[in-house]
Amino acid sequence: MEGFALNANAQKAKKHAMTILTVSDSLVTHESMSPEKRQTTFKNMMELALNVANKL
């Protein structure tokens, strides 16, 4: 929901925006990440997002 709102508003304002999603639990396979892996994965996602944003 937030990603759609962000991108819709950016399009209306003729600005760039991006949404990066990280999935930690599967409703299909019922697999989930350990808290440690979730923290590491989210940290990597945030670093990627900041690196991409710096290049825009």
Protein backbone atom coordinates (compact mmCIF):
# COMPACT_ATOMS: atom_id res chain seq x y z
CA MET A 1 0.00 0.00 0.00
CA GLU A 2 2.70 2.47 0.96
CA GLY A 3 4.73 1.59 -2.13
CA PHE A 4 1.78 2.29 -4.41
CA ALA A 5 1.09 5.64 -2.71
CA LEU A 6 4.76 6.64 -2.92
CA ASN A 7 5.03 5.81 -6.62
CA ALA A 8 1.63 7.30 -7.52
CA ASN A 9 2.52 10.59 -5.84
CA ALA A 10 5.94 10.64 -7.46
CA GLN A 11 4.39 10.09 -10.88
CA LYS A 12 1.88 12.88 -10.29
CA ALA A 13 4.68 15.22 -9.20
CA LYS A 14 6.89 14.07 -12.12
CA LYS A 15 9.55 12.85 -9.66
CA HIS A 16 11.52 9.62 -9.35
CA ALA A 17 10.67 7.09 -6.65
CA MET A 18 11.37 3.46 -5.93
CA THR A 19 10.12 0.77 -3.64
CA ILE A 20 12.27 -2.11 -2.41
CA LEU A 21 10.51 -4.98 -0.68
CA THR A 22 12.06 -7.68 1.46
CA VAL A 23 10.09 -10.82 2.25
CA SER A 24 11.05 -12.67 5.42
CA ASP A 25 8.24 -15.22 5.80
CA SER A 26 6.44 -17.32 3.18
CA LEU A 27 2.72 -17.91 3.49
CA VAL A 28 3.02 -20.63 0.83
CA THR A 29 5.88 -22.76 2.19
CA HIS A 30 5.66 -21.54 5.81
CA GLU A 31 9.40 -20.91 5.81
CA SER A 32 10.70 -18.04 7.91
CA MET A 33 14.03 -16.40 8.63
CA SER A 34 15.75 -16.46 11.97
CA PRO A 35 15.84 -13.08 13.73
CA GLU A 36 19.58 -12.84 13.02
CA LYS A 37 19.18 -13.56 9.30
CA ARG A 38 16.23 -11.16 9.10
CA GLN A 39 18.33 -8.39 10.66
CA THR A 40 21.26 -9.03 8.30
CA THR A 41 19.03 -9.24 5.23
CA PHE A 42 17.16 -6.04 6.10
CA LYS A 43 20.48 -4.27 6.74
CA ASN A 44 21.71 -5.37 3.29
CA MET A 45 18.45 -4.18 1.71
CA MET A 46 18.76 -0.76 3.38
CA GLU A 47 22.38 -0.41 2.23
CA LEU A 48 21.34 -1.30 -1.32
CA ALA A 49 18.51 1.23 -1.21
CA LEU A 50 20.83 3.99 0.02
CA ASN A 51 23.43 3.19 -2.66
CA VAL A 52 20.79 3.29 -5.40
CA ALA A 53 19.27 6.51 -4.03
CA ASN A 54 22.71 8.17 -4.02
CA LYS A 55 23.05 7.42 -7.74
CA LEU A 56 19.74 9.03 -8.73
